[in-house]
Amino acid sequence: MTRYEIHIPDGLADWIDRKMPGIGGVRTVKIQCCKVIPLEWFFGRASALTLWRTVSLRNTICPIDPCNRTKVALLLHELVHVEQFRASPVWFPIKYLLNLFLRGYWYHPAEVEARIRAHDLIESYTIEDPCHCAEATAKLAAEVLEIIRAIAT
């Protein structure tokens, strides 16, 4: 099973540290990319899995582009689970498995919380734009337009 750790871009990491103090600093969380997610045989073919302070992302998610809202939202969702594990390192995994059997994934309280928080966080991230994604997109659009004009003349 090939795994490698990834670096979260500084602008995104600093923003996460401000918005999610409950994780104790995103740079202290092990974020790894994997061809096969740990415990995939049990949880199924998920895009990511969090166990305590380790977030495992499928290779197709890596690297985390701070301007890709889908990837950032998934990372934020998983970091909510880091907070949940950190708040209750012994009971959270037990309650998680119990709720998974009783309610399934979609109605699982920890998953509902993670979806809601990630949604709220990604909205805030988009508005605040700490990685200057809107500026980068505008610059790229201007460059593409310049290339098109050059080709047309």
Protein backbone atom coordinates (compact mmCIF):
# COMPACT_ATOMS: atom_id res chain seq x y z
CA MET A 1 0.00 0.00 0.00
CA THR A 2 1.76 3.16 -1.20
CA ARG A 3 1.28 6.15 1.09
CA TYR A 4 2.92 9.53 1.20
CA GLU A 5 2.41 12.60 3.36
CA ILE A 6 1.38 15.88 1.80
CA HIS A 7 1.91 19.50 2.75
CA ILE A 8 -1.08 21.79 3.09
CA PRO A 9 -0.30 25.17 1.47
CA ASP A 10 0.53 27.79 4.10
CA GLY A 11 -2.35 30.16 3.30
CA LEU A 12 -4.86 27.33 3.67
CA ALA A 13 -3.13 25.92 6.77
CA ASP A 14 -3.10 29.30 8.51
CA TRP A 15 -6.79 29.82 7.69
CA ILE A 16 -7.68 26.35 9.02
CA ASP A 17 -5.76 27.03 12.24
CA ARG A 18 -7.79 30.22 12.79
CA LYS A 19 -11.15 28.63 11.97
CA MET A 20 -10.66 25.21 13.56
CA PRO A 21 -8.68 25.63 16.80
CA GLY A 22 -10.14 22.33 18.03
CA ILE A 23 -7.74 20.33 15.85
CA GLY A 24 -4.72 21.77 17.66
CA GLY A 25 -3.00 22.98 14.50
CA VAL A 26 -3.40 21.43 11.06
CA ARG A 27 0.38 21.04 10.72
CA THR A 28 0.26 18.54 13.61
CA VAL A 29 -2.22 16.36 11.71
CA LYS A 30 -0.74 13.64 9.50
CA ILE A 31 -2.32 14.01 6.07
CA GLN A 32 -1.44 11.18 3.73
CA CYS A 33 -2.38 10.11 0.24
CA CYS A 34 -3.07 6.45 -0.47
CA LYS A 35 -3.96 4.26 -3.39
CA VAL A 36 -6.11 2.22 -1.00
CA ILE A 37 -7.70 3.88 2.03
CA PRO A 38 -7.05 2.12 5.38
CA LEU A 39 -9.89 -0.20 6.38
CA GLU A 40 -11.41 0.07 2.91
CA TRP A 41 -12.50 -3.55 3.27
CA PHE A 42 -14.76 -2.40 6.14
CA PHE A 43 -15.83 1.15 5.22
CA GLY A 44 -16.05 0.71 1.46
CA ARG A 45 -14.53 2.80 -1.30
CA ALA A 46 -14.48 6.21 0.38
CA SER A 47 -12.51 9.23 -0.82
CA ALA A 48 -11.05 9.75 2.65
CA LEU A 49 -10.87 8.31 6.15
CA THR A 50 -9.81 9.88 9.44
CA LEU A 51 -8.44 7.90 12.36
CA TRP A 52 -7.50 10.08 15.34
CA ARG A 53 -4.91 12.57 13.98
CA THR A 54 -4.33 10.88 10.62
CA VAL A 55 -6.32 11.86 7.54
CA SER A 56 -5.97 9.42 4.65
CA LEU A 57 -6.98 10.75 1.24
CA ARG A 58 -7.31 8.74 -1.94
CA ASN A 59 -4.53 9.54 -4.46
CA THR A 60 -7.06 11.14 -6.80
CA ILE A 61 -7.68 13.86 -4.19
CA CYS A 62 -4.00 14.74 -3.84
CA PRO A 63 -2.43 17.20 -3.84
CA ILE A 64 -4.76 19.65 -2.14
CA ASP A 65 -5.14 22.64 -4.45
CA PRO A 66 -6.26 25.52 -2.21
CA CYS A 67 -8.36 26.89 -5.10
CA ASN A 68 -10.25 23.62 -5.63
CA ARG A 69 -13.31 24.03 -3.40
CA THR A 70 -14.27 20.36 -3.68
CA LYS A 71 -10.89 19.16 -2.40
CA VAL A 72 -10.75 21.82 0.32
CA ALA A 73 -14.29 20.93 1.45
CA LEU A 74 -13.35 17.25 1.72
CA LEU A 75 -10.26 18.14 3.76
CA LEU A 76 -12.37 20.34 6.06
CA HIS A 77 -14.89 17.51 6.49
CA GLU A 78 -12.11 15.16 7.54
CA LEU A 79 -10.62 17.76 9.89
CA VAL A 80 -13.99 17.98 11.66
CA HIS A 81 -13.48 14.27 12.39
CA VAL A 82 -10.02 15.09 13.80
CA GLU A 83 -11.76 17.50 16.19
CA GLN A 84 -14.29 14.80 17.10
CA PHE A 85 -11.56 12.25 17.80
CA ARG A 86 -9.56 14.82 19.76
CA ALA A 87 -12.57 15.74 21.93
CA SER A 88 -13.22 12.09 22.82
CA PRO A 89 -10.33 9.82 21.74
CA VAL A 90 -11.70 6.68 23.40
CA TRP A 91 -15.47 7.03 23.09
CA PHE A 92 -15.71 8.67 19.67
CA PRO A 93 -14.57 5.60 17.68
CA ILE A 94 -16.86 3.33 19.69
CA LYS A 95 -19.86 5.65 19.24
CA TYR A 96 -18.96 6.10 15.58
CA LEU A 97 -19.09 2.36 14.86
CA LEU A 98 -22.28 1.92 16.87
CA ASN A 99 -24.02 4.77 15.03
CA LEU A 100 -22.75 3.47 11.70
CA PHE A 101 -24.50 0.15 12.33
CA LEU A 102 -27.66 1.75 13.74
CA ARG A 103 -28.11 4.71 11.37
CA GLY A 104 -25.84 4.16 8.40
CA TYR A 105 -23.45 6.71 6.94
CA TRP A 106 -25.88 9.38 5.72
CA TYR A 107 -27.76 9.79 9.04
CA HIS A 108 -24.71 9.26 11.25
CA PRO A 109 -24.54 12.19 13.74
CA ALA A 110 -20.76 12.64 13.33
CA GLU A 111 -21.10 12.66 9.53
CA VAL A 112 -24.04 15.07 9.62
CA GLU A 113 -21.99 17.41 11.83
CA ALA A 114 -18.96 17.10 9.53
CA ARG A 115 -21.05 17.85 6.42
CA ILE A 116 -22.69 20.90 7.99
CA ARG A 117 -19.45 22.31 9.41
CA ALA A 118 -17.52 21.69 6.18
CA HIS A 119 -20.29 23.44 4.22
CA ASP A 120 -20.20 26.46 6.54
CA LEU A 121 -16.40 26.54 6.51
CA ILE A 122 -16.09 26.32 2.72
CA GLU A 123 -18.55 29.22 2.37
CA SER A 124 -16.42 31.29 4.73
CA TYR A 125 -13.24 30.20 2.92
CA THR A 126 -14.69 31.25 -0.43
CA ILE A 127 -15.74 34.67 0.88
CA GLU A 128 -12.48 35.35 2.74
CA ASP A 129 -10.33 33.93 -0.10
CA PRO A 130 -7.13 33.60 1.99
CA CYS A 131 -5.25 31.92 -0.88
CA HIS A 132 -6.24 34.64 -3.39
CA CYS A 133 -8.00 32.15 -5.66
CA ALA A 134 -10.24 34.77 -7.26
CA GLU A 135 -7.16 36.82 -8.17
CA ALA A 136 -5.42 33.75 -9.62
CA THR A 137 -8.51 32.83 -11.64
CA ALA A 138 -8.81 36.36 -13.03
CA LYS A 139 -5.12 36.37 -13.96
CA LEU A 140 -5.43 33.00 -15.71
CA ALA A 141 -8.53 34.18 -17.60
CA ALA A 142 -6.65 37.29 -18.76
CA GLU A 143 -3.73 35.14 -19.95
CA VAL A 144 -6.05 32.80 -21.87
CA LEU A 145 -7.80 35.77 -23.46
CA GLU A 146 -4.42 37.20 -24.50
CA ILE A 147 -3.46 33.87 -26.11
CA ILE A 148 -6.78 33.72 -27.98
CA ARG A 149 -6.30 37.26 -29.25
CA ALA A 150 -2.75 36.45 -30.38
CA ILE A 151 -3.98 33.38 -32.26
CA ALA A 152 -6.84 35.32 -33.86
CA THR A 153 -4.56 38.04 -35.28
